[in-house]
C-alpha atoms as a PDB file:
ATOM      1  CA  UNK A   1      62.227   1.960 -34.700  1.00  0.00           C
ATOM      2  CA  UNK A   2      60.263   4.491 -32.877  1.00  0.00           C
ATOM      3  CA  UNK A   3      57.353   2.874 -30.728  1.00  0.00           C
ATOM      4  CA  UNK A   4      53.993   3.941 -31.007  1.00  0.00           C
ATOM      5  CA  UNK A   5      51.664   3.488 -27.896  1.00  0.00           C
ATOM      6  CA  UNK A   6      48.032   4.643 -27.932  1.00  0.00           C
ATOM      7  CA  UNK A   7      47.037   5.800 -24.520  1.00  0.00           C
ATOM      8  CA  UNK A   8      43.148   6.392 -23.916  1.00  0.00           C
ATOM      9  CA  UNK A   9      41.567   9.658 -23.044  1.00  0.00           C
ATOM     10  CA  UNK A  10      40.517  10.001 -19.386  1.00  0.00           C
ATOM     11  CA  UNK A  11      36.851  10.583 -20.826  1.00  0.00           C
ATOM     12  CA  UNK A  12      36.878   7.271 -22.629  1.00  0.00           C
ATOM     13  CA  UNK A  13      38.164   5.455 -19.379  1.00  0.00           C
ATOM     14  CA  UNK A  14      35.011   7.388 -17.643  1.00  0.00           C
ATOM     15  CA  UNK A  15      32.687   6.560 -20.214  1.00  0.00           C
ATOM     16  CA  UNK A  16      33.633   3.089 -20.433  1.00  0.00           C
ATOM     17  CA  UNK A  17      33.366   2.898 -16.383  1.00  0.00           C
ATOM     18  CA  UNK A  18      30.061   4.523 -16.600  1.00  0.00           C
ATOM     19  CA  UNK A  19      28.681   1.920 -18.921  1.00  0.00           C
ATOM     20  CA  UNK A  20      29.517  -0.936 -16.684  1.00  0.00           C
ATOM     21  CA  UNK A  21      28.270   0.464 -13.266  1.00  0.00           C
ATOM     22  CA  UNK A  22      24.794   1.346 -15.100  1.00  0.00           C
ATOM     23  CA  UNK A  23      24.823  -2.503 -16.518  1.00  0.00           C
ATOM     24  CA  UNK A  24      25.702  -3.583 -12.989  1.00  0.00           C
ATOM     25  CA  UNK A  25      22.777  -0.918 -11.164  1.00  0.00           C
ATOM     26  CA  UNK A  26      20.037  -1.954 -13.976  1.00  0.00           C
ATOM     27  CA  UNK A  27      20.621  -6.046 -13.687  1.00  0.00           C
ATOM     28  CA  UNK A  28      18.046  -7.745 -11.921  1.00  0.00           C
ATOM     29  CA  UNK A  29      18.549 -11.231  -9.809  1.00  0.00           C
ATOM     30  CA  UNK A  30      16.333 -13.775 -10.616  1.00  0.00           C
ATOM     31  CA  UNK A  31      16.336 -15.266  -7.000  1.00  0.00           C
ATOM     32  CA  UNK A  32      14.995 -13.276  -4.201  1.00  0.00           C
ATOM     33  CA  UNK A  33      16.142 -13.023  -0.795  1.00  0.00           C
ATOM     34  CA  UNK A  34      13.927 -15.413   1.232  1.00  0.00           C
ATOM     35  CA  UNK A  35      13.827 -16.728   4.710  1.00  0.00           C
ATOM     36  CA  UNK A  36      11.873 -19.500   6.410  1.00  0.00           C
ATOM     37  CA  UNK A  37       9.270 -18.255   8.726  1.00  0.00           C
ATOM     38  CA  UNK A  38       6.602 -19.702  10.827  1.00  0.00           C
ATOM     39  CA  UNK A  39       3.473 -18.089   9.429  1.00  0.00           C
ATOM     40  CA  UNK A  40       1.816 -19.100  12.918  1.00  0.00           C
ATOM     41  CA  UNK A  41       3.958 -16.606  14.363  1.00  0.00           C
ATOM     42  CA  UNK A  42       2.984 -13.125  13.081  1.00  0.00           C
ATOM     43  CA  UNK A  43       3.727 -10.253  15.548  1.00  0.00           C
ATOM     44  CA  UNK A  44       2.096  -6.665  14.302  1.00  0.00           C
ATOM     45  CA  UNK A  45       5.267  -5.089  15.588  1.00  0.00           C
ATOM     46  CA  UNK A  46       7.734  -7.628  14.971  1.00  0.00           C
ATOM     47  CA  UNK A  47       6.267  -9.754  12.180  1.00  0.00           C
ATOM     48  CA  UNK A  48       7.277 -13.284  11.725  1.00  0.00           C
ATOM     49  CA  UNK A  49       9.475 -15.676  13.658  1.00  0.00           C
ATOM     50  CA  UNK A  50      12.329 -16.950  11.242  1.00  0.00           C
ATOM     51  CA  UNK A  51      12.828 -20.927  11.776  1.00  0.00           C
ATOM     52  CA  UNK A  52      15.453 -22.600  10.095  1.00  0.00           C
ATOM     53  CA  UNK A  53      15.596 -23.520   6.658  1.00  0.00           C
ATOM     54  CA  UNK A  54      15.059 -27.429   7.180  1.00  0.00           C
ATOM     55  CA  UNK A  55      11.454 -26.560   7.975  1.00  0.00           C
ATOM     56  CA  UNK A  56      10.387 -24.865   4.736  1.00  0.00           C
ATOM     57  CA  UNK A  57      10.380 -26.843   1.361  1.00  0.00           C
ATOM     58  CA  UNK A  58      13.730 -26.785  -0.497  1.00  0.00           C
ATOM     59  CA  UNK A  59      12.244 -26.316  -3.767  1.00  0.00           C
ATOM     60  CA  UNK A  60      11.862 -22.398  -3.230  1.00  0.00           C
ATOM     61  CA  UNK A  61       8.090 -22.878  -4.183  1.00  0.00           C
ATOM     62  CA  UNK A  62       5.340 -21.227  -2.526  1.00  0.00           C
ATOM     63  CA  UNK A  63       3.351 -23.792  -0.701  1.00  0.00           C
ATOM     64  CA  UNK A  64       3.733 -23.892   3.702  1.00  0.00           C
ATOM     65  CA  UNK A  65       4.443 -27.076   5.093  1.00  0.00           C
ATOM     66  CA  UNK A  66       4.109 -28.256   8.601  1.00  0.00           C
ATOM     67  CA  UNK A  67       7.201 -29.616  10.259  1.00  0.00           C
ATOM     68  CA  UNK A  68       7.508 -30.931  14.181  1.00  0.00           C
ATOM     69  CA  UNK A  69      10.107 -28.651  15.801  1.00  0.00           C
ATOM     70  CA  UNK A  70      11.289 -29.789  19.436  1.00  0.00           C
ATOM     71  CA  UNK A  71       7.570 -30.824  20.116  1.00  0.00           C
ATOM     72  CA  UNK A  72       5.626 -28.012  18.645  1.00  0.00           C
ATOM     73  CA  UNK A  73       4.376 -27.902  14.977  1.00  0.00           C
ATOM     74  CA  UNK A  74       5.541 -25.248  12.952  1.00  0.00           C
ATOM     75  CA  UNK A  75       3.375 -23.773   9.652  1.00  0.00           C
ATOM     76  CA  UNK A  76       6.775 -22.988   7.979  1.00  0.00           C
ATOM     77  CA  UNK A  77       7.068 -21.375   4.551  1.00  0.00           C
ATOM     78  CA  UNK A  78       9.203 -19.374   2.796  1.00  0.00           C
ATOM     79  CA  UNK A  79       9.200 -15.447   3.083  1.00  0.00           C
ATOM     80  CA  UNK A  80      10.709 -13.159   0.117  1.00  0.00           C
ATOM     81  CA  UNK A  81      12.083 -10.278   0.143  1.00  0.00           C
ATOM     82  CA  UNK A  82      11.747  -8.943   4.254  1.00  0.00           C
ATOM     83  CA  UNK A  83      13.395  -6.899   6.267  1.00  0.00           C
ATOM     84  CA  UNK A  84      14.550  -8.906   9.365  1.00  0.00           C
ATOM     85  CA  UNK A  85      15.702  -7.951  12.427  1.00  0.00           C
ATOM     86  CA  UNK A  86      16.481  -9.464  15.867  1.00  0.00           C
ATOM     87  CA  UNK A  87      15.382 -12.884  14.297  1.00  0.00           C
ATOM     88  CA  UNK A  88      11.896 -11.902  12.880  1.00  0.00           C
ATOM     89  CA  UNK A  89      10.925 -10.535   9.080  1.00  0.00           C
ATOM     90  CA  UNK A  90       8.604  -8.105   8.176  1.00  0.00           C
ATOM     91  CA  UNK A  91       7.132  -6.044   5.079  1.00  0.00           C
ATOM     92  CA  UNK A  92       7.953  -9.357   2.727  1.00  0.00           C
ATOM     93  CA  UNK A  93       5.627 -11.596   0.909  1.00  0.00           C
ATOM     94  CA  UNK A  94       5.077 -15.379   0.599  1.00  0.00           C
ATOM     95  CA  UNK A  95       4.500 -14.900  -3.299  1.00  0.00           C
ATOM     96  CA  UNK A  96       7.870 -15.740  -4.829  1.00  0.00           C
ATOM     97  CA  UNK A  97       6.672 -14.446  -8.401  1.00  0.00           C
ATOM     98  CA  UNK A  98       5.756 -10.986  -6.682  1.00  0.00           C
ATOM     99  CA  UNK A  99       9.074 -10.942  -5.081  1.00  0.00           C
ATOM    100  CA  UNK A 100      11.155 -11.243  -8.464  1.00  0.00           C
ATOM    101  CA  UNK A 101       8.576  -8.407 -10.157  1.00  0.00           C
ATOM    102  CA  UNK A 102       8.938  -6.017  -7.595  1.00  0.00           C
ATOM    103  CA  UNK A 103      13.132  -6.592  -7.611  1.00  0.00           C
ATOM    104  CA  UNK A 104      15.360  -3.763  -6.668  1.00  0.00           C
ATOM    105  CA  UNK A 105      16.645  -0.554  -8.467  1.00  0.00           C
ATOM    106  CA  UNK A 106      16.408  -0.848 -12.073  1.00  0.00           C
ATOM    107  CA  UNK A 107      14.304  -3.820 -12.166  1.00  0.00           C
ATOM    108  CA  UNK A 108      10.944  -4.080 -14.407  1.00  0.00           C
ATOM    109  CA  UNK A 109       7.847  -4.789 -13.071  1.00  0.00           C
ATOM    110  CA  UNK A 110       6.599  -6.458 -16.417  1.00  0.00           C
ATOM    111  CA  UNK A 111       7.660  -9.939 -16.054  1.00  0.00           C
ATOM    112  CA  UNK A 112       6.735 -12.570 -18.593  1.00  0.00           C
ATOM    113  CA  UNK A 113       5.055 -14.930 -16.410  1.00  0.00           C
ATOM    114  CA  UNK A 114       2.350 -16.671 -17.912  1.00  0.00           C
ATOM    115  CA  UNK A 115      -0.948 -16.842 -16.131  1.00  0.00           C
END
């Protein structure tokens, strides 16, 4: 008995790989990148000072919370999709819904949120 083995053509393999790659690039994450920042620390050149996550509300909803950090009150809030450098965050948003809407590569800006 002759054993028959089916070989996939290279074009089939390439097209299948392209489909997987396209799906990966167009999928959107539901949770944007976030940093806990001190709202009172904004510097025009550098942005907001990043503070420990424990200073922000853990629910992930927008809304500042004041916490005392080493004898100083910090007006901390989550800052989404920011560029972070040298302990400072800039070019982001405090609005989580806006951060989800603007998404990444291939993400649609037409969300299904109610208003």
